[in-house]
Protein backbone atom coordinates (compact mmCIF):
# COMPACT_ATOMS: atom_id res chain seq x y z
CA MET A 1 24.17 14.26 65.50
CA ASN A 2 22.14 11.23 66.30
CA LYS A 3 23.01 8.08 64.76
CA ALA A 4 20.93 5.50 62.94
CA ASN A 5 20.11 2.12 64.74
CA ILE A 6 21.57 -0.60 62.77
CA VAL A 7 20.41 -4.24 63.75
CA ILE A 8 22.55 -7.05 63.11
CA ILE A 9 20.08 -10.11 62.34
CA ASP A 10 20.92 -13.17 64.39
CA TYR A 11 19.39 -16.25 63.06
CA GLY A 12 22.14 -18.58 64.29
CA MET A 13 24.27 -18.85 60.94
CA GLY A 14 26.57 -15.49 61.04
CA ASN A 15 29.78 -14.34 62.05
CA ILE A 16 27.96 -12.11 64.25
CA GLN A 17 30.62 -10.55 66.96
CA SER A 18 33.12 -9.96 64.24
CA ILE A 19 30.87 -7.98 62.16
CA ASN A 20 29.57 -6.10 65.24
CA ASN A 21 32.94 -5.12 66.20
CA ALA A 22 34.14 -3.99 62.70
CA LEU A 23 30.78 -1.60 62.45
CA VAL A 24 31.38 -0.39 66.05
CA ARG A 25 34.97 0.59 65.11
CA MET A 26 33.56 2.23 62.07
CA GLY A 27 31.34 4.45 63.99
CA GLY A 28 27.93 2.47 63.75
CA ASN A 29 25.24 2.31 66.26
CA VAL A 30 24.79 -1.40 66.57
CA SER A 31 22.65 -3.97 68.27
CA ILE A 32 22.07 -7.68 67.68
CA SER A 33 18.86 -9.34 67.74
CA ASN A 34 16.63 -12.08 66.42
CA LYS A 35 13.29 -10.45 67.15
CA ALA A 36 10.96 -9.51 64.60
CA GLU A 37 10.01 -6.28 66.44
CA ASP A 38 13.66 -5.16 66.57
CA VAL A 39 14.00 -5.68 62.79
CA LEU A 40 10.87 -3.51 62.28
CA ALA A 41 12.11 -0.83 64.58
CA ALA A 42 15.68 -0.68 63.15
CA ASP A 43 17.04 2.04 60.96
CA ALA A 44 19.01 -0.33 58.89
CA LEU A 45 19.96 -4.02 58.91
CA ILE A 46 22.78 -6.27 58.42
CA LEU A 47 21.96 -9.81 57.28
CA PRO A 48 25.08 -11.93 57.72
CA GLY A 49 25.43 -15.54 56.93
CA VAL A 50 27.56 -18.78 56.85
CA GLY A 51 26.38 -22.16 55.62
CA ALA A 52 23.44 -23.55 53.58
CA PHE A 53 20.87 -21.40 51.77
CA GLY A 54 17.98 -23.62 52.69
CA GLU A 55 18.99 -24.02 56.29
CA ALA A 56 19.44 -20.25 56.59
CA MET A 57 15.70 -19.58 55.31
CA SER A 58 14.56 -22.41 57.54
CA ASN A 59 15.88 -20.62 60.60
CA LEU A 60 14.66 -17.11 59.45
CA LYS A 61 10.97 -18.70 59.02
CA SER A 62 11.02 -20.37 62.52
CA LEU A 63 12.06 -17.10 64.13
CA GLY A 64 9.31 -15.09 62.14
CA LEU A 65 12.03 -12.93 60.63
CA ILE A 66 11.16 -13.30 57.00
CA GLU A 67 8.10 -11.04 56.85
CA SER A 68 9.69 -8.45 58.94
CA ILE A 69 12.65 -8.15 56.88
CA ILE A 70 10.74 -7.74 53.70
CA SER A 71 8.53 -5.44 55.26
CA ALA A 72 11.34 -3.15 56.65
CA VAL A 73 13.36 -3.30 53.33
CA LYS A 74 10.77 -3.50 50.76
CA TYR A 75 8.01 -1.28 52.04
CA GLN A 76 9.77 1.01 54.58
CA ASN A 77 12.84 1.47 52.28
CA LYS A 78 15.39 0.74 55.17
CA PRO A 79 18.73 -0.04 54.12
CA LEU A 80 20.09 -3.56 54.39
CA LEU A 81 23.34 -5.06 53.86
CA GLY A 82 23.87 -8.95 53.21
CA ILE A 83 27.13 -10.39 53.64
CA CYS A 84 28.21 -13.73 52.32
CA LEU A 85 25.15 -16.11 52.67
CA GLY A 86 23.21 -12.96 53.57
CA MET A 87 23.53 -11.57 50.18
CA GLN A 88 22.62 -14.98 48.45
CA LEU A 89 19.41 -14.80 50.51
CA LEU A 90 18.60 -11.53 48.77
CA ALA A 91 17.92 -13.77 45.50
CA ASP A 92 14.62 -15.61 44.29
CA THR A 93 15.82 -18.94 44.59
CA SER A 94 18.76 -21.27 45.19
CA ASP A 95 20.06 -24.49 43.52
CA GLU A 96 22.18 -25.56 46.57
CA ARG A 97 20.90 -28.84 47.93
CA GLY A 98 17.88 -28.86 45.81
CA SER A 99 15.82 -25.59 45.10
CA SER A 100 14.88 -23.13 47.90
CA ASN A 101 13.25 -20.00 47.98
CA GLY A 102 14.99 -16.80 48.91
CA LEU A 103 13.68 -13.48 50.08
CA SER A 104 13.06 -12.12 46.53
CA LEU A 105 14.49 -8.65 47.38
CA ILE A 106 16.98 -8.55 44.38
CA PRO A 107 15.83 -10.59 41.19
CA GLY A 108 18.19 -13.46 40.71
CA ASN A 109 19.19 -17.16 41.52
CA VAL A 110 22.03 -18.80 43.40
CA GLU A 111 24.02 -21.35 41.66
CA CYS A 112 27.23 -23.36 41.93
CA ILE A 113 30.12 -21.47 40.58
CA PRO A 114 31.32 -23.26 37.44
CA VAL A 115 35.06 -24.01 37.63
CA THR A 116 37.52 -25.55 35.47
CA PRO A 117 39.39 -28.65 36.65
CA ASP A 118 42.32 -26.49 37.97
CA LEU A 119 40.10 -24.72 40.40
CA ARG A 120 38.44 -26.39 43.45
CA LEU A 121 35.44 -25.42 45.57
CA PRO A 122 34.78 -23.67 47.76
CA HIS A 123 36.50 -20.53 46.47
CA ILE A 124 38.58 -19.52 49.45
CA GLY A 125 40.95 -16.69 50.09
CA TRP A 126 41.85 -13.25 48.64
CA ASN A 127 40.71 -12.21 45.30
CA THR A 128 40.55 -8.75 43.54
CA LEU A 129 37.44 -6.68 42.76
CA ASP A 130 36.33 -5.39 39.48
CA LEU A 131 34.01 -2.45 40.38
CA LYS A 132 30.79 -1.69 38.36
CA GLN A 133 29.09 0.78 40.97
CA LYS A 134 31.29 3.01 43.35
CA GLU A 135 28.67 4.57 45.39
CA PRO A 136 27.88 4.26 48.11
CA LEU A 137 29.73 1.08 49.23
CA PHE A 138 32.83 1.23 47.35
CA VAL A 139 34.03 4.84 47.61
CA GLY A 140 37.70 4.66 48.85
CA VAL A 141 37.98 0.99 47.16
CA ASP A 142 39.67 0.76 43.87
CA ASP A 143 39.61 -1.61 40.96
CA GLY A 144 42.08 -4.63 41.88
CA ASP A 145 41.73 -4.16 45.52
CA ALA A 146 41.67 -7.88 47.36
CA VAL A 147 38.93 -9.09 49.75
CA TYR A 148 38.51 -12.27 51.28
CA PHE A 149 35.95 -15.01 49.98
CA VAL A 150 34.81 -18.24 51.17
CA HIS A 151 31.86 -19.74 48.99
CA SER A 152 30.98 -22.27 46.58
CA TYR A 153 27.92 -20.62 45.33
CA HIS A 154 27.25 -17.38 43.58
CA PHE A 155 24.64 -14.82 42.66
CA VAL A 156 23.36 -14.95 39.04
CA CYS A 157 21.57 -11.68 38.17
CA ASP A 158 21.04 -9.15 35.57
CA GLN A 159 24.00 -6.79 35.25
CA THR A 160 21.69 -3.85 36.33
CA TYR A 161 22.10 -5.18 39.92
CA VAL A 162 25.80 -5.95 39.86
CA ALA A 163 28.04 -3.59 41.88
CA ALA A 164 31.32 -5.54 41.75
CA THR A 165 32.68 -8.92 40.27
CA THR A 166 35.67 -11.03 40.87
CA ASP A 167 37.32 -13.86 38.55
CA TYR A 168 37.64 -17.22 39.56
CA GLY A 169 37.71 -18.97 36.17
CA SER A 170 34.79 -16.90 35.03
CA GLU A 171 33.02 -13.81 36.15
CA VAL A 172 31.63 -14.09 39.60
CA VAL A 173 29.35 -11.48 41.13
CA ALA A 174 30.90 -10.17 44.46
CA ALA A 175 28.39 -7.40 45.15
CA VAL A 176 25.02 -6.48 44.27
CA GLN A 177 22.87 -3.14 44.80
CA TYR A 178 19.52 -2.36 44.14
CA GLY A 179 18.03 0.88 45.67
CA ASN A 180 18.24 0.70 49.49
CA ILE A 181 19.72 -3.16 49.23
CA PHE A 182 23.10 -4.11 48.94
CA GLY A 183 25.04 -7.38 49.22
CA VAL A 184 28.70 -8.37 49.19
CA GLN A 185 29.64 -12.07 48.66
CA PHE A 186 32.99 -11.64 50.45
CA HIS A 187 33.41 -11.12 54.08
CA PRO A 188 34.24 -7.26 54.77
CA GLU A 189 35.00 -8.11 58.54
CA ARG A 190 37.82 -10.51 57.30
CA SER A 191 39.17 -8.11 54.74
CA GLN A 192 41.38 -5.81 56.46
CA LYS A 193 41.51 -2.16 55.57
CA LYS A 194 39.39 -2.25 52.36
CA GLY A 195 36.40 -4.26 54.18
CA LEU A 196 36.41 -1.67 57.12
CA ILE A 197 36.10 1.10 54.50
CA LEU A 198 33.08 -0.69 52.81
CA LEU A 199 31.49 -1.04 56.33
CA GLY A 200 32.35 2.49 57.07
CA ASN A 201 30.63 3.57 53.82
CA PHE A 202 27.46 1.66 54.78
CA VAL A 203 27.32 3.20 58.32
CA ASN A 204 27.94 6.73 56.77
CA HIS A 205 25.06 5.99 53.90
CA VAL A 206 22.68 4.83 56.76
CA ASN A 207 23.44 7.81 59.01
CA GLN A 208 22.90 10.18 56.00
CA THR A 209 19.55 8.47 55.12
CA TYR A 210 18.46 8.58 58.73
CA GLN A 211 19.29 12.17 59.04
CA GLU A 212 17.16 13.11 55.81
CA PHE A 213 14.06 11.38 57.31
CA GLU A 214 14.53 12.05 60.86
CA PRO A 215 11.60 13.76 62.34
CA CYS A 216 12.11 17.55 63.29
């Protein structure tokens, strides 16, 4: 069986190699690129990210990647998984360091996590999941399973798009899902067995989708 080509988008702000290694371990056919033509030719995309929202969007723009990502995902219906900052970039806007526009692939805004005085930002470390949508990403993952977070901002959106939440003084969106578009606020590549299961689920979902549309 042929495998779908999953492209990790390298725009200078992601934990690229760890994500690549984890996807390969879970059977993914993976490549890394910062070229618009490779994004358009991919069967599925991974959008990682560590850092500030505005800088990330600026990097994507300077590389000519914004239009290709939107075209591939929104108009060609290719699966995309955003990770950490990459999930936040799926939103319409962000309040981080002023106001910045995102990719507008899932309606919502990125805002600073409201915390009580006994909690500090960033939210760093292991925290448990409350699952809202099991398929396709969370098959084999259970309510209460812990994953690894590092973030100060969170995705605020309608509950329709929420696949999982976590508790950090209040309910914080941990995963989003909208058709072929997925995002996780935590780092699956740093979340040991459960993170690998999630990445394996994405690989399987992508391969199944690819087989359905592969020319005879």
